[in-house]
Amino acid sequence: MSVTSIAPAAPITRGDALHLIGCSDDDLPELLAAARAAKERFKPGVITYSRKVFLPLTNLCRDYCGYCTFRRDPGGPGAHTMTPDEVLSVARAGEKLGCTEALFSLGDKPELLFPEMRETLRHLGYRSTLHYLEAMCELVLRETSLLPHPNPGLLSAEWIARLANVSPSMGLMLETTNAALLAPGAAHDNAPDKLPAKRLRTIEDAGKQNAPFTTGLLIGIGESLEDRVDTLLAIRDLHERYGHIQEVIVQNFRVKPTIPMANWPEPTRGEMLRAVAVARLLLPNVNIQAPPNLSAPYYDDLVDAGINDWGGISPLTPDFINPEKPWPHLEQLRLRTEAKGFALRQRLPVYPEFLPALASRPGLLAERLRAAADDHGLAKMKRAA
């Protein structure tokens, strides 16, 4: 197909996406123009972000992904499970800086592999990591104005329902639909929770419960261009059925010296721009996000590829998943966003279009949402203390 033949507002087909994601450098400007136009039909004039604190509740994890420096084994350097006091201290510090999101990231069910984690949980008074996460989300919700957004790995339908009572949104990266990446020596070798079918089941179960959900793909971990398209199509299929995908993240692999994939090639700038643009054209009415810190110094080019959101940015805590890649200063982000012709606006962890259904429910979570949102469903502007 020709880039100029893309129909306005209509999602492109798989065949179109496969052609476009591998387009030539000569055709790339037209692809980017089509993606940016699609973004403007969806949410014109604005790029959003969420001001957050990053809470690494535990970095113990039973999965061993080839690209990860976040996970630790018990007793290893940096291994840590946050205490309730630590969680609350960081959340309150973030509240003073105008944050509205408490992002909980943690390893997937480490107690199933490590007796040390079972002992830590017993000492804290909880039966499992998910029970502890639920309690910490409730603590933050009760004691601060921050809204929890947990990323705890695979979840059963029961746990989705439980966490939905204490958080307006939650997330799980699909990453890829290519199960071959679980093979020996591949990115997901010895990472049983990265089986695509299991992750798709969690995302679908969230859809059945109308839980606003963040997911996405990770590019550059050994998948093909076709895999990238099929991952986006799997997400699109679930969203068409349930309407619950609030955000799709296009995240690029970055090399770190201590990981098994230390000599792996990183995705190029062109690959990233093509992946984001195709995501926008496959999902023209879904929020598309790409982390700016992983594309520095050219991150503002991602605006040309059709993103409408920068994701979570913290004025307080580092990106514990990619600690070597600091987030841009918010003033710099604003200036570079405005230079591309867009206003920068702070949102809540849940996007405005999902807010009315949540805010109309009884209970503390709905009260907190109504207090935090402005008339447009974005974050109320408040000065940092």
Protein backbone atom coordinates (compact mmCIF):
# COMPACT_ATOMS: atom_id res chain seq x y z
CA MET A 1 0.00 0.00 0.00
CA SER A 2 0.95 3.63 -0.38
CA VAL A 3 1.22 5.67 2.81
CA THR A 4 -0.96 8.31 1.19
CA SER A 5 -3.77 5.77 0.78
CA ILE A 6 -4.31 5.42 4.55
CA ALA A 7 -7.97 6.15 5.22
CA PRO A 8 -8.60 8.89 7.79
CA ALA A 9 -9.85 7.63 11.17
CA ALA A 10 -10.10 3.98 10.05
CA PRO A 11 -7.80 1.44 11.74
CA ILE A 12 -5.37 -0.06 9.26
CA THR A 13 -5.28 -3.77 8.44
CA ARG A 14 -2.61 -6.28 9.39
CA GLY A 15 -1.29 -6.27 5.84
CA ASP A 16 -1.05 -2.48 5.85
CA ALA A 17 0.70 -2.53 9.22
CA LEU A 18 3.26 -5.09 8.05
CA HIS A 19 4.06 -2.92 5.04
CA LEU A 20 4.28 0.31 7.01
CA ILE A 21 6.39 -0.98 9.91
CA GLY A 22 9.08 -1.90 7.40
CA CYS A 23 8.72 1.18 5.20
CA SER A 24 11.73 2.85 3.63
CA ASP A 25 13.37 5.97 5.00
CA ASP A 26 11.92 7.83 2.01
CA ASP A 27 8.39 6.84 3.06
CA LEU A 28 8.91 7.45 6.79
CA PRO A 29 7.94 11.16 6.74
CA GLU A 30 4.58 10.30 5.14
CA LEU A 31 3.99 7.55 7.71
CA LEU A 32 4.73 9.96 10.56
CA ALA A 33 2.45 12.59 9.06
CA ALA A 34 -0.41 10.07 8.84
CA ALA A 35 0.16 8.98 12.45
CA ARG A 36 0.31 12.54 13.77
CA ALA A 37 -2.91 13.38 11.89
CA ALA A 38 -4.57 10.31 13.45
CA LYS A 39 -3.46 11.47 16.90
CA GLU A 40 -4.92 14.92 16.26
CA ARG A 41 -8.27 13.43 15.28
CA PHE A 42 -8.24 11.53 18.57
CA LYS A 43 -7.01 14.12 21.10
CA PRO A 44 -6.01 17.37 19.42
CA GLY A 45 -3.55 19.92 20.70
CA VAL A 46 -2.47 18.21 23.92
CA ILE A 47 0.12 15.70 25.15
CA THR A 48 -0.45 14.37 28.66
CA TYR A 49 1.71 12.86 31.39
CA SER A 50 1.19 11.52 34.90
CA ARG A 51 3.18 13.03 37.77
CA LYS A 52 4.06 10.04 39.91
CA VAL A 53 6.11 8.44 42.61
CA PHE A 54 7.67 5.10 41.75
CA LEU A 55 7.26 2.56 44.55
CA PRO A 56 9.30 -0.64 43.99
CA LEU A 57 7.34 -2.63 46.56
CA THR A 58 9.69 -5.58 46.15
CA ASN A 59 12.37 -6.30 43.59
CA LEU A 60 12.42 -10.02 44.36
CA CYS A 61 11.01 -11.88 41.37
CA ARG A 62 10.67 -15.48 40.26
CA ASP A 63 11.27 -14.57 36.58
CA TYR A 64 14.72 -14.14 35.05
CA CYS A 65 14.31 -11.96 31.95
CA GLY A 66 17.42 -11.37 29.86
CA TYR A 67 16.97 -7.58 29.78
CA CYS A 68 16.09 -6.86 33.42
CA THR A 69 18.19 -5.18 36.10
CA PHE A 70 15.24 -4.55 38.42
CA ARG A 71 14.86 -8.07 39.79
CA ARG A 72 16.98 -9.44 42.63
CA ASP A 73 17.40 -12.71 44.47
CA PRO A 74 17.12 -12.68 48.27
CA GLY A 75 20.36 -11.59 49.89
CA GLY A 76 21.71 -10.13 46.66
CA PRO A 77 23.01 -6.56 46.46
CA GLY A 78 20.08 -4.16 46.47
CA ALA A 79 17.42 -6.77 47.25
CA HIS A 80 14.64 -5.01 49.12
CA THR A 81 10.99 -5.15 50.08
CA MET A 82 9.58 -1.80 51.15
CA THR A 83 7.98 -1.48 54.57
CA PRO A 84 4.63 0.29 55.03
CA ASP A 85 6.46 3.23 56.59
CA GLU A 86 8.73 3.51 53.56
CA VAL A 87 5.76 3.36 51.19
CA LEU A 88 3.94 6.09 53.07
CA SER A 89 7.02 8.28 53.41
CA VAL A 90 7.66 8.28 49.63
CA ALA A 91 3.97 8.80 48.85
CA ARG A 92 3.72 11.78 51.19
CA ALA A 93 6.89 13.32 49.77
CA GLY A 94 5.43 12.94 46.28
CA GLU A 95 2.16 14.47 47.38
CA LYS A 96 4.06 17.61 48.44
CA LEU A 97 5.56 17.80 44.93
CA GLY A 98 2.17 17.67 43.22
CA CYS A 99 2.17 13.98 42.31
CA THR A 100 -1.16 12.23 41.81
CA GLU A 101 0.00 8.68 40.96
CA ALA A 102 1.58 6.03 43.16
CA LEU A 103 3.05 3.51 40.73
CA PHE A 104 3.61 0.14 42.40
CA SER A 105 6.10 -2.06 40.54
CA LEU A 106 7.12 -5.42 41.90
CA GLY A 107 8.37 -8.86 41.01
CA ASP A 108 5.85 -11.52 40.05
CA LYS A 109 4.89 -13.68 43.08
CA PRO A 110 8.43 -14.07 44.47
CA GLU A 111 7.16 -16.04 47.48
CA LEU A 112 6.44 -19.00 45.17
CA LEU A 113 10.20 -19.37 44.60
CA PHE A 114 11.89 -17.85 47.64
CA PRO A 115 11.31 -18.96 51.25
CA GLU A 116 12.95 -15.67 52.32
CA MET A 117 10.06 -13.74 50.76
CA ARG A 118 7.55 -15.97 52.51
CA GLU A 119 9.27 -15.12 55.80
CA THR A 120 9.26 -11.38 54.98
CA LEU A 121 5.54 -11.53 54.27
CA ARG A 122 4.91 -13.51 57.46
CA HIS A 123 6.80 -10.86 59.44
CA LEU A 124 4.74 -8.10 57.77
CA GLY A 125 1.53 -10.03 58.46
CA TYR A 126 0.43 -10.97 54.93
CA ARG A 127 -0.24 -14.27 53.18
CA SER A 128 1.15 -13.28 49.78
CA THR A 129 2.80 -10.46 47.86
CA LEU A 130 -0.57 -9.59 46.32
CA HIS A 131 -2.18 -9.34 49.76
CA TYR A 132 0.61 -6.97 50.78
CA LEU A 133 0.23 -4.94 47.58
CA GLU A 134 -3.52 -4.63 48.16
CA ALA A 135 -2.90 -3.35 51.68
CA MET A 136 -0.30 -0.82 50.52
CA CYS A 137 -2.61 0.49 47.79
CA GLU A 138 -5.29 0.93 50.43
CA LEU A 139 -2.81 2.63 52.77
CA VAL A 140 -1.78 5.17 50.11
CA LEU A 141 -5.40 5.74 49.14
CA ARG A 142 -6.47 6.29 52.75
CA GLU A 143 -3.54 8.36 54.00
CA THR A 144 -2.70 10.52 50.95
CA SER A 145 -4.34 12.06 47.90
CA LEU A 146 -2.33 9.83 45.55
CA LEU A 147 -4.05 7.24 43.37
CA PRO A 148 -2.43 3.79 43.18
CA HIS A 149 -1.56 2.15 39.86
CA PRO A 150 -0.21 -1.37 40.46
CA ASN A 151 1.89 -3.43 38.01
CA PRO A 152 2.10 -6.77 39.85
CA GLY A 153 2.46 -9.27 37.01
CA LEU A 154 -0.07 -11.99 36.25
CA LEU A 155 -3.39 -11.70 38.04
CA SER A 156 -6.39 -13.95 38.50
CA ALA A 157 -9.89 -12.61 37.97
CA GLU A 158 -10.31 -12.51 41.76
CA TRP A 159 -7.18 -10.38 42.23
CA ILE A 160 -8.16 -8.00 39.45
CA ALA A 161 -11.42 -7.39 41.31
CA ARG A 162 -9.65 -6.91 44.63
CA LEU A 163 -7.08 -4.46 43.27
CA ALA A 164 -9.79 -2.58 41.36
CA ASN A 165 -11.31 -1.69 44.73
CA VAL A 166 -8.13 0.15 45.78
CA SER A 167 -6.79 1.46 42.45
CA PRO A 168 -8.50 3.13 39.50
CA SER A 169 -6.27 1.41 36.94
CA MET A 170 -3.64 -1.30 36.73
CA GLY A 171 -1.18 -2.60 34.18
CA LEU A 172 0.62 -5.55 32.65
CA MET A 173 2.87 -5.29 29.63
CA LEU A 174 2.01 -7.94 27.06
CA GLU A 175 5.53 -7.35 25.65
CA THR A 176 5.18 -9.80 22.75
CA THR A 177 2.97 -12.58 21.40
CA ASN A 178 6.03 -14.58 20.35
CA ALA A 179 6.26 -17.59 22.71
CA ALA A 180 9.56 -18.59 21.09
CA LEU A 181 11.24 -15.94 23.25
CA LEU A 182 10.91 -18.38 26.17
CA ALA A 183 13.42 -20.70 24.49
CA PRO A 184 16.84 -21.29 26.07
CA GLY A 185 19.05 -18.25 25.58
CA ALA A 186 16.16 -16.04 24.46
CA ALA A 187 14.89 -12.94 26.30
CA HIS A 188 12.26 -14.80 28.35
CA ASP A 189 14.27 -17.94 29.08
CA ASN A 190 13.47 -18.98 32.68
CA ALA A 191 10.64 -16.44 32.89
CA PRO A 192 7.47 -18.59 33.10
CA ASP A 193 5.19 -15.62 33.73
CA LYS A 194 6.10 -14.16 30.32
CA LEU A 195 4.16 -16.82 28.40
CA PRO A 196 2.00 -14.69 26.08
CA ALA A 197 -1.14 -16.78 26.60
CA LYS A 198 -0.99 -16.19 30.36
CA ARG A 199 -0.55 -12.46 29.93
CA LEU A 200 -3.36 -12.24 27.39
CA ARG A 201 -5.61 -14.05 29.87
CA THR A 202 -4.92 -11.47 32.57
CA ILE A 203 -5.61 -8.61 30.16
CA GLU A 204 -8.84 -10.29 29.03
CA ASP A 205 -9.98 -10.94 32.60
CA ALA A 206 -9.49 -7.25 33.31
CA GLY A 207 -11.67 -6.48 30.29
CA LYS A 208 -14.44 -8.74 31.54
CA GLN A 209 -14.48 -6.63 34.73
CA ASN A 210 -14.23 -3.27 32.93
CA ALA A 211 -11.01 -2.49 34.78
CA PRO A 212 -9.08 0.33 33.01
CA PHE A 213 -5.89 -1.33 31.89
CA THR A 214 -2.45 -0.29 30.66
CA THR A 215 -0.48 -2.67 28.48
CA GLY A 216 2.00 -2.50 25.62
CA LEU A 217 4.86 -4.04 23.70
CA LEU A 218 8.60 -4.17 24.27
CA ILE A 219 10.56 -3.86 21.05
CA GLY A 220 14.08 -5.08 20.42
CA ILE A 221 14.09 -8.27 22.53
CA GLY A 222 14.39 -10.73 19.65
CA GLU A 223 10.96 -10.36 18.09
CA SER A 224 10.35 -9.73 14.39
CA LEU A 225 8.54 -6.82 12.78
CA GLU A 226 5.64 -9.22 12.23
CA ASP A 227 5.63 -10.02 15.96
CA ARG A 228 5.35 -6.31 16.77
CA VAL A 229 2.30 -5.97 14.54
CA ASP A 230 0.71 -9.15 15.93
CA THR A 231 1.26 -7.96 19.51
CA LEU A 232 -0.54 -4.70 18.72
CA LEU A 233 -3.32 -6.63 16.97
CA ALA A 234 -3.79 -8.90 20.00
CA ILE A 235 -4.21 -5.78 22.15
CA ARG A 236 -6.59 -4.27 19.60
CA ASP A 237 -8.70 -7.43 19.55
CA LEU A 238 -9.11 -7.38 23.33
CA HIS A 239 -9.95 -3.68 23.31
CA GLU A 240 -12.55 -4.13 20.58
CA ARG A 241 -14.21 -6.82 22.70
CA TYR A 242 -14.08 -5.10 26.08
CA GLY A 243 -13.17 -1.43 25.62
CA HIS A 244 -10.89 -1.39 28.65
CA ILE A 245 -7.41 -0.70 27.23
CA GLN A 246 -6.72 2.81 28.49
CA GLU A 247 -3.16 3.01 27.25
CA VAL A 248 -0.70 1.16 25.02
CA ILE A 249 2.99 1.69 25.77
CA VAL A 250 5.57 1.26 23.04
CA GLN A 251 8.77 0.65 24.99
CA ASN A 252 12.21 0.17 23.51
CA PHE A 253 14.81 -2.22 24.93
CA ARG A 254 17.92 -0.50 26.25
CA VAL A 255 21.23 -2.28 26.84
CA LYS A 256 22.68 -2.45 30.34
CA PRO A 257 26.17 -3.78 31.07
CA THR A 258 25.15 -6.40 33.66
CA ILE A 259 22.29 -8.14 31.81
CA PRO A 260 22.50 -11.37 29.78
CA MET A 261 21.50 -9.30 26.72
CA ALA A 262 24.35 -6.80 27.23
CA ASN A 263 25.61 -7.30 23.67
CA TRP A 264 22.16 -7.19 22.10
CA PRO A 265 21.52 -4.46 19.49
CA GLU A 266 19.13 -1.73 20.62
CA PRO A 267 16.21 -0.71 18.39
CA THR A 268 17.13 2.23 16.19
CA ARG A 269 15.41 5.57 16.27
CA GLY A 270 13.74 4.66 12.98
CA GLU A 271 12.44 1.37 14.35
CA MET A 272 10.95 3.13 17.34
CA LEU A 273 9.27 5.80 15.22
CA ARG A 274 7.81 3.16 12.88
CA ALA A 275 6.52 1.05 15.77
CA VAL A 276 4.85 4.05 17.45
CA ALA A 277 3.32 5.28 14.18
CA VAL A 278 1.93 1.85 13.33
CA ALA A 279 0.55 1.53 16.87
CA ARG A 280 -1.26 4.83 16.38
CA LEU A 281 -2.71 3.76 13.03
CA LEU A 282 -3.78 0.33 14.31
CA LEU A 283 -5.30 1.90 17.45
CA PRO A 284 -6.48 5.35 16.35
CA ASN A 285 -8.75 5.84 19.38
CA VAL A 286 -6.47 4.49 22.11
CA ASN A 287 -3.93 6.44 24.15
CA ILE A 288 -0.42 5.70 22.87
CA GLN A 289 2.55 6.34 25.16
CA ALA A 290 6.31 6.06 24.81
CA PRO A 291 8.73 6.72 27.69
CA PRO A 292 10.81 9.85 26.96
CA ASN A 293 13.78 8.79 29.09
CA LEU A 294 14.33 5.68 26.94
CA SER A 295 14.50 7.73 23.73
CA ALA A 296 16.64 10.64 24.90
CA PRO A 297 17.93 12.82 23.38
CA TYR A 298 15.48 12.56 20.45
CA TYR A 299 12.37 11.82 22.53
CA ASP A 300 10.43 14.80 21.18
CA ASP A 301 10.46 13.09 17.75
CA LEU A 302 8.01 10.58 19.25
CA VAL A 303 5.36 13.31 19.13
CA ASP A 304 5.69 13.25 15.33
CA ALA A 305 4.95 9.50 15.40
CA GLY A 306 1.55 9.95 17.04
CA ILE A 307 1.93 9.54 20.79
CA ASN A 308 -0.49 11.50 22.94
CA ASP A 309 1.11 10.74 26.31
CA TRP A 310 4.57 10.66 27.91
CA GLY A 311 3.61 8.22 30.67
CA GLY A 312 4.61 8.63 34.28
CA ILE A 313 7.27 11.21 35.14
CA SER A 314 8.55 11.61 38.68
CA PRO A 315 10.03 14.74 40.23
CA LEU A 316 11.11 12.59 43.20
CA THR A 317 11.96 8.95 42.45
CA PRO A 318 14.12 7.38 39.71
CA ASP A 319 12.94 4.94 37.08
CA PHE A 320 13.85 1.82 39.04
CA ILE A 321 13.41 -0.34 35.93
CA ASN A 322 15.87 1.78 33.92
CA PRO A 323 17.81 3.67 36.61
CA GLU A 324 20.54 4.72 34.19
CA LYS A 325 17.97 6.66 32.13
CA PRO A 326 16.70 9.62 34.19
CA TRP A 327 13.36 11.16 33.38
CA PRO A 328 13.49 14.60 31.77
CA HIS A 329 12.87 17.57 34.02
CA LEU A 330 9.21 18.52 33.75
CA GLU A 331 10.02 22.04 32.61
CA GLN A 332 12.22 20.66 29.82
CA LEU A 333 9.46 18.22 28.85
CA ARG A 334 6.97 21.10 28.69
CA LEU A 335 9.25 23.22 26.52
CA ARG A 336 10.02 20.42 24.09
CA THR A 337 6.35 19.42 23.89
CA GLU A 338 5.32 23.02 23.21
CA ALA A 339 8.05 23.32 20.56
CA LYS A 340 6.25 20.52 18.72
CA GLY A 341 3.02 22.50 18.85
CA PHE A 342 1.27 20.84 21.79
CA ALA A 343 0.28 21.83 25.30
CA LEU A 344 1.51 19.59 28.12
CA ARG A 345 -1.17 18.61 30.66
CA GLN A 346 -0.99 16.50 33.80
CA ARG A 347 -3.43 13.59 33.96
CA LEU A 348 -4.35 11.09 36.63
CA PRO A 349 -3.19 7.45 36.41
CA VAL A 350 -6.60 6.66 34.93
CA TYR A 351 -7.43 8.47 31.69
CA PRO A 352 -10.34 10.96 31.51
CA GLU A 353 -12.57 8.78 29.32
CA PHE A 354 -12.58 6.04 31.99
CA LEU A 355 -13.17 8.37 34.91
CA PRO A 356 -16.98 8.82 34.95
CA ALA A 357 -17.76 5.13 35.49
CA LEU A 358 -15.26 4.93 38.36
CA ALA A 359 -16.16 8.24 40.01
CA SER A 360 -19.86 7.36 40.13
CA ARG A 361 -19.30 4.38 42.42
CA PRO A 362 -19.58 4.53 46.20
CA GLY A 363 -16.50 4.36 48.39
CA LEU A 364 -13.16 6.00 49.13
CA LEU A 365 -11.63 5.37 45.70
CA ALA A 366 -14.41 7.28 43.94
CA GLU A 367 -14.15 10.08 46.50
CA ARG A 368 -10.43 10.41 45.84
CA LEU A 369 -11.00 10.43 42.07
CA ARG A 370 -13.64 13.16 42.27
CA ALA A 371 -11.34 15.25 44.45
CA ALA A 372 -8.33 14.82 42.13
CA ALA A 373 -9.97 15.42 38.74
CA ASP A 374 -10.76 18.70 37.04
CA ASP A 375 -13.75 19.31 34.77
CA HIS A 376 -11.94 17.63 31.87
CA GLY A 377 -10.98 14.52 33.83
CA LEU A 378 -7.34 15.59 34.05
CA ALA A 379 -5.41 16.35 37.25
CA LYS A 380 -6.48 19.47 39.11
CA MET A 381 -3.72 22.01 38.99
CA LYS A 382 -2.19 22.48 42.40
CA ARG A 383 1.07 24.04 43.40
CA ALA A 384 3.69 21.81 44.94
CA ALA A 385 4.12 22.48 48.64
